[in-house]
């Protein structure tokens, strides 16, 4: 066993040794911060209700980052620690919010939760540029990273690389927004084109899903900015209406496509591309028409 593997194993064994009911609840809460569905729902609400521009930036950072993550998972195909003989066990959780039971056994590297969380949180830190942000957001990222080790579903090297890539994408998009903001969707389109090619070479449902989300942002958000131009406001009643209508539309599209008997990468691409188009284009169009 090489040095890195030995360190990976010792760290995982430490987290396994401290498991208890209380810490399982705590780390399940942290791992929820790296779950795609609640975070995307939060970004949608941010987009519709509070800060449209920040939400756009979060979407560009997130979808470029996690699409690379999905490709690397397929390319590397590293077995998760609980699948390896002599490795640690996993904490068995299976509920609508957090699950360790439905994970792909050979997609350990890099950690998607760590990469998603670090990309989002460090984008927030770069955006606010306040002392509290540079304390809070890295701590939240660290909590997500540790949660994946505690649950026994990733190696330390998985979460370190995932978090590093997420931070790198947050920095890249911070640079783009500061130096080349007018070209942001052109740059995002180049990312999308490259990832579409990689998806055709190495197709998988997860990769297709992430590529579709990125393509949806690249197409839908500029169209909204040009033709619909909805704006955030502080009217509480109207914002409640926006949240309800938006989540209803997005949820209806998601459930409709989930009920269809198709599970290919192409079907996954169509489902998530339309999901982003609904959230970023159709829902704002409804806001304008309903005057809310």
Protein backbone atom coordinates (compact mmCIF):
# COMPACT_ATOMS: atom_id res chain seq x y z
CA UNK A 1 0.00 0.00 0.00
CA UNK A 2 1.46 3.37 -1.04
CA UNK A 3 1.68 6.36 1.29
CA UNK A 4 -1.37 8.12 -0.15
CA UNK A 5 -3.50 4.99 0.09
CA UNK A 6 -2.34 4.44 3.68
CA UNK A 7 -3.23 8.01 4.66
CA UNK A 8 -6.61 7.68 2.92
CA UNK A 9 -7.34 4.50 4.86
CA UNK A 10 -6.19 5.86 8.25
CA UNK A 11 -8.32 9.00 7.89
CA UNK A 12 -11.38 6.99 6.89
CA UNK A 13 -10.85 4.62 9.81
CA UNK A 14 -10.75 7.61 12.16
CA UNK A 15 -14.10 8.90 10.88
CA UNK A 16 -15.52 5.38 11.14
CA UNK A 17 -14.37 5.15 14.75
CA UNK A 18 -16.26 8.28 15.85
CA UNK A 19 -19.62 7.36 14.34
CA UNK A 20 -22.65 7.81 16.57
CA UNK A 21 -26.30 8.76 16.12
CA UNK A 22 -25.73 12.44 16.86
CA UNK A 23 -22.81 12.84 14.44
CA UNK A 24 -24.70 10.93 11.77
CA UNK A 25 -27.45 13.57 11.92
CA UNK A 26 -24.89 16.39 11.87
CA UNK A 27 -22.93 15.05 8.92
CA UNK A 28 -26.10 14.11 7.03
CA UNK A 29 -27.10 17.77 7.32
CA UNK A 30 -23.71 18.84 5.96
CA UNK A 31 -23.88 16.37 3.07
CA UNK A 32 -27.29 17.82 2.20
CA UNK A 33 -25.45 21.07 1.40
CA UNK A 34 -23.77 19.23 -1.46
CA UNK A 35 -26.90 17.56 -2.82
CA UNK A 36 -27.82 18.79 -6.29
CA UNK A 37 -31.62 18.98 -5.97
CA UNK A 38 -31.92 21.26 -2.89
CA UNK A 39 -29.05 23.47 -4.04
CA UNK A 40 -30.52 23.89 -7.52
CA UNK A 41 -33.91 24.67 -5.96
CA UNK A 42 -32.19 27.30 -3.77
CA UNK A 43 -30.46 28.84 -6.81
CA UNK A 44 -33.81 28.95 -8.67
CA UNK A 45 -35.40 30.82 -5.75
CA UNK A 46 -32.43 33.17 -5.64
CA UNK A 47 -32.86 33.79 -9.38
CA UNK A 48 -36.61 34.42 -9.21
CA UNK A 49 -36.81 36.34 -5.93
CA UNK A 50 -33.60 37.95 -4.71
CA UNK A 51 -30.57 38.34 -6.95
CA UNK A 52 -30.87 37.36 -10.61
CA UNK A 53 -27.27 38.23 -11.50
CA UNK A 54 -25.71 36.27 -8.63
CA UNK A 55 -27.89 33.26 -9.49
CA UNK A 56 -26.71 33.40 -13.12
CA UNK A 57 -23.12 33.37 -11.91
CA UNK A 58 -23.78 30.46 -9.55
CA UNK A 59 -25.39 28.48 -12.38
CA UNK A 60 -22.46 29.05 -14.75
CA UNK A 61 -19.94 28.07 -12.07
CA UNK A 62 -21.93 25.06 -10.91
CA UNK A 63 -22.77 23.50 -14.25
CA UNK A 64 -19.31 23.90 -15.79
CA UNK A 65 -17.76 22.47 -12.64
CA UNK A 66 -20.06 19.50 -12.06
CA UNK A 67 -20.02 18.56 -15.76
CA UNK A 68 -16.26 18.14 -15.59
CA UNK A 69 -16.78 16.19 -12.37
CA UNK A 70 -19.18 13.79 -14.09
CA UNK A 71 -16.71 13.21 -16.93
CA UNK A 72 -13.82 12.55 -14.53
CA UNK A 73 -15.93 10.04 -12.60
CA UNK A 74 -16.50 8.06 -15.79
CA UNK A 75 -12.89 8.43 -16.93
CA UNK A 76 -11.26 7.38 -13.62
CA UNK A 77 -13.89 4.87 -12.39
CA UNK A 78 -12.44 4.65 -8.89
CA UNK A 79 -14.26 2.18 -6.60
CA UNK A 80 -15.80 3.70 -3.49
CA UNK A 81 -14.15 2.74 -0.17
CA UNK A 82 -17.09 0.61 1.03
CA UNK A 83 -16.80 -1.61 -2.08
CA UNK A 84 -13.13 -2.48 -1.50
CA UNK A 85 -12.14 -5.51 0.56
CA UNK A 86 -10.69 -4.32 3.85
CA UNK A 87 -12.13 -0.82 3.39
CA UNK A 88 -14.46 1.00 5.73
CA UNK A 89 -18.20 0.49 5.85
CA UNK A 90 -20.68 3.16 4.79
CA UNK A 91 -23.38 4.72 6.92
CA UNK A 92 -26.56 3.39 5.37
CA UNK A 93 -28.98 6.24 4.75
CA UNK A 94 -31.81 6.20 2.24
CA UNK A 95 -34.36 9.00 2.31
CA UNK A 96 -35.63 11.59 -0.21
CA UNK A 97 -33.03 14.13 0.93
CA UNK A 98 -29.86 12.09 1.50
CA UNK A 99 -28.98 8.61 0.30
CA UNK A 100 -25.81 6.54 0.42
CA UNK A 101 -27.54 3.45 -0.98
CA UNK A 102 -28.03 4.53 -4.59
CA UNK A 103 -24.48 5.67 -5.33
CA UNK A 104 -22.58 4.36 -8.34
CA UNK A 105 -19.96 2.01 -6.83
CA UNK A 106 -17.18 3.03 -9.25
CA UNK A 107 -17.65 6.81 -9.25
CA UNK A 108 -15.69 7.81 -6.16
CA UNK A 109 -13.22 10.24 -7.76
CA UNK A 110 -13.59 13.18 -7.49
CA UNK A 111 -16.27 13.91 -4.91
CA UNK A 112 -19.24 15.58 -6.60
CA UNK A 113 -20.65 16.88 -3.31
CA UNK A 114 -17.35 18.54 -2.41
CA UNK A 115 -16.95 20.04 -5.87
CA UNK A 116 -20.54 21.30 -6.05
CA UNK A 117 -20.45 22.80 -2.56
CA UNK A 118 -17.03 24.45 -2.91
CA UNK A 119 -17.96 25.93 -6.29
CA UNK A 120 -21.16 27.44 -4.95
CA UNK A 121 -19.82 28.62 -1.60
CA UNK A 122 -16.59 30.12 -2.94
CA UNK A 123 -18.55 31.86 -5.70
CA UNK A 124 -20.50 33.44 -2.85
CA UNK A 125 -17.27 34.39 -1.09
CA UNK A 126 -15.84 35.98 -4.26
CA UNK A 127 -19.13 37.79 -4.84
CA UNK A 128 -19.60 39.28 -1.36
CA UNK A 129 -15.89 39.79 -0.60
CA UNK A 130 -16.61 40.18 3.10
CA UNK A 131 -14.74 38.76 6.09
CA UNK A 132 -17.80 36.80 7.24
CA UNK A 133 -18.11 35.19 3.79
CA UNK A 134 -14.46 34.09 3.77
CA UNK A 135 -14.99 32.46 7.18
CA UNK A 136 -18.47 30.96 6.75
CA UNK A 137 -18.30 29.57 3.22
CA UNK A 138 -14.96 27.69 3.57
CA UNK A 139 -16.23 26.19 6.86
CA UNK A 140 -19.40 24.99 5.15
CA UNK A 141 -17.30 23.49 2.36
CA UNK A 142 -15.11 21.71 4.91
CA UNK A 143 -18.23 20.37 6.61
CA UNK A 144 -19.46 18.87 3.33
CA UNK A 145 -16.04 17.34 2.66
CA UNK A 146 -15.86 15.74 6.11
CA UNK A 147 -19.42 14.45 5.79
CA UNK A 148 -18.46 12.35 2.76
CA UNK A 149 -15.61 10.79 4.74
CA UNK A 150 -17.79 10.18 7.79
CA UNK A 151 -20.42 8.46 5.65
CA UNK A 152 -17.72 6.25 4.13
CA UNK A 153 -18.55 7.04 0.50
CA UNK A 154 -15.35 8.85 -0.55
CA UNK A 155 -11.61 8.79 0.10
CA UNK A 156 -9.88 11.93 1.45
CA UNK A 157 -8.16 12.37 -1.93
CA UNK A 158 -11.59 12.35 -3.61
CA UNK A 159 -12.91 15.23 -1.50
CA UNK A 160 -9.65 17.22 -1.69
CA UNK A 161 -9.54 17.08 -5.48
CA UNK A 162 -13.29 17.75 -5.74
CA UNK A 163 -13.09 20.81 -3.48
CA UNK A 164 -9.98 22.09 -5.28
CA UNK A 165 -11.71 21.85 -8.66
CA UNK A 166 -14.81 23.60 -7.31
CA UNK A 167 -12.71 26.45 -5.93
CA UNK A 168 -10.80 26.66 -9.23
CA UNK A 169 -14.04 27.05 -11.19
CA UNK A 170 -15.26 29.68 -8.72
CA UNK A 171 -12.01 31.61 -9.28
CA UNK A 172 -12.19 31.18 -13.08
CA UNK A 173 -15.70 32.59 -13.22
CA UNK A 174 -14.79 35.38 -10.81
CA UNK A 175 -12.02 36.34 -13.26
CA UNK A 176 -14.41 36.13 -16.23
CA UNK A 177 -16.99 38.31 -14.49
CA UNK A 178 -14.37 40.89 -13.56
CA UNK A 179 -12.48 40.98 -16.87
CA UNK A 180 -14.74 39.57 -19.61
CA UNK A 181 -18.32 39.78 -18.34
CA UNK A 182 -19.76 40.65 -21.76
CA UNK A 183 -18.31 37.39 -23.14
CA UNK A 184 -19.49 35.17 -20.27
CA UNK A 185 -22.11 33.28 -22.27
CA UNK A 186 -19.76 32.86 -25.22
CA UNK A 187 -17.19 31.33 -22.87
CA UNK A 188 -19.89 29.17 -21.28
CA UNK A 189 -20.94 28.07 -24.78
CA UNK A 190 -17.38 26.93 -25.50
CA UNK A 191 -17.41 24.92 -22.26
CA UNK A 192 -20.77 23.42 -23.30
CA UNK A 193 -19.52 22.48 -26.79
CA UNK A 194 -16.47 20.71 -25.35
CA UNK A 195 -18.58 18.81 -22.84
CA UNK A 196 -21.11 17.78 -25.49
CA UNK A 197 -18.25 16.22 -27.47
CA UNK A 198 -16.97 14.43 -24.35
CA UNK A 199 -20.51 13.20 -23.65
CA UNK A 200 -20.72 11.76 -27.17
CA UNK A 201 -17.37 10.01 -26.66
CA UNK A 202 -18.15 8.70 -23.15
CA UNK A 203 -21.94 8.78 -22.73
CA UNK A 204 -23.48 8.46 -19.29
CA UNK A 205 -26.76 9.66 -17.80
CA UNK A 206 -25.05 11.81 -15.16
CA UNK A 207 -22.77 13.46 -17.69
CA UNK A 208 -25.70 14.00 -20.08
CA UNK A 209 -27.75 15.55 -17.25
CA UNK A 210 -25.03 18.03 -16.35
CA UNK A 211 -24.25 18.92 -19.97
CA UNK A 212 -27.98 19.50 -20.54
CA UNK A 213 -28.19 21.88 -17.57
CA UNK A 214 -25.21 23.86 -18.85
CA UNK A 215 -26.69 24.03 -22.37
CA UNK A 216 -30.00 25.15 -20.90
CA UNK A 217 -28.31 28.04 -19.06
CA UNK A 218 -26.24 29.03 -22.12
CA UNK A 219 -29.36 29.19 -24.31
CA UNK A 220 -32.17 30.09 -21.91
CA UNK A 221 -30.67 32.82 -19.74
CA UNK A 222 -29.41 35.07 -22.60
CA UNK A 223 -32.82 34.74 -24.28
CA UNK A 224 -34.49 35.78 -21.04
CA UNK A 225 -32.13 38.72 -20.65
CA UNK A 226 -32.84 39.90 -24.20
CA UNK A 227 -36.58 39.32 -24.61
CA UNK A 228 -38.27 38.90 -21.21
CA UNK A 229 -36.11 40.95 -18.85
CA UNK A 230 -37.89 40.13 -15.60
CA UNK A 231 -36.53 41.90 -12.52
CA UNK A 232 -36.30 41.07 -8.82
CA UNK A 233 -38.43 43.11 -6.44
CA UNK A 234 -39.17 43.29 -2.71
CA UNK A 235 -42.94 42.74 -2.81
CA UNK A 236 -43.39 39.88 -0.33
CA UNK A 237 -46.81 38.72 -1.59
CA UNK A 238 -45.68 38.69 -5.20
CA UNK A 239 -42.49 36.84 -4.25
CA UNK A 240 -44.53 34.14 -2.50
CA UNK A 241 -46.56 33.83 -5.71
CA UNK A 242 -43.37 33.65 -7.75
CA UNK A 243 -41.92 30.92 -5.54
CA UNK A 244 -45.09 28.84 -5.69
CA UNK A 245 -45.61 29.16 -9.44
CA UNK A 246 -41.93 28.61 -10.22
CA UNK A 247 -41.55 25.49 -8.07
CA UNK A 248 -44.87 24.13 -9.38
CA UNK A 249 -43.76 24.50 -13.01
CA UNK A 250 -40.31 23.03 -12.42
CA UNK A 251 -41.72 20.20 -10.30
CA UNK A 252 -44.37 19.37 -12.92
CA UNK A 253 -41.74 19.12 -15.68
CA UNK A 254 -39.49 16.97 -13.51
CA UNK A 255 -42.26 14.57 -12.46
CA UNK A 256 -43.64 14.32 -16.01
CA UNK A 257 -40.32 13.26 -17.48
CA UNK A 258 -39.53 11.01 -14.51
CA UNK A 259 -42.73 9.08 -15.26
CA UNK A 260 -41.77 8.40 -18.89
CA UNK A 261 -40.32 4.91 -19.59
CA UNK A 262 -37.00 6.16 -20.97
CA UNK A 263 -33.64 6.07 -19.20
CA UNK A 264 -31.01 6.65 -21.90
CA UNK A 265 -28.42 9.46 -21.77
CA UNK A 266 -30.37 11.22 -24.55
CA UNK A 267 -33.59 11.08 -22.52
CA UNK A 268 -31.69 12.43 -19.50
CA UNK A 269 -30.32 15.27 -21.65
CA UNK A 270 -33.78 16.26 -22.91
CA UNK A 271 -35.30 16.11 -19.42
CA UNK A 272 -32.74 18.38 -17.77
CA UNK A 273 -32.33 20.74 -20.71
CA UNK A 274 -36.07 21.42 -20.65
CA UNK A 275 -35.98 21.69 -16.85
CA UNK A 276 -33.51 24.59 -17.05
CA UNK A 277 -35.43 26.19 -19.93
CA UNK A 278 -38.61 26.04 -17.83
CA UNK A 279 -36.85 27.54 -14.78
CA UNK A 280 -34.86 30.19 -16.62
CA UNK A 281 -37.14 31.17 -19.50
CA UNK A 282 -40.73 29.96 -19.19
CA UNK A 283 -41.21 30.79 -15.50
CA UNK A 284 -39.90 34.39 -15.88
CA UNK A 285 -42.23 34.74 -18.90
CA UNK A 286 -45.13 33.78 -16.61
CA UNK A 287 -44.01 36.33 -14.06
CA UNK A 288 -44.17 39.07 -16.68
CA UNK A 289 -47.54 37.94 -18.03
CA UNK A 290 -49.07 37.61 -14.57
CA UNK A 291 -47.45 40.87 -13.44
CA UNK A 292 -45.98 39.39 -10.30
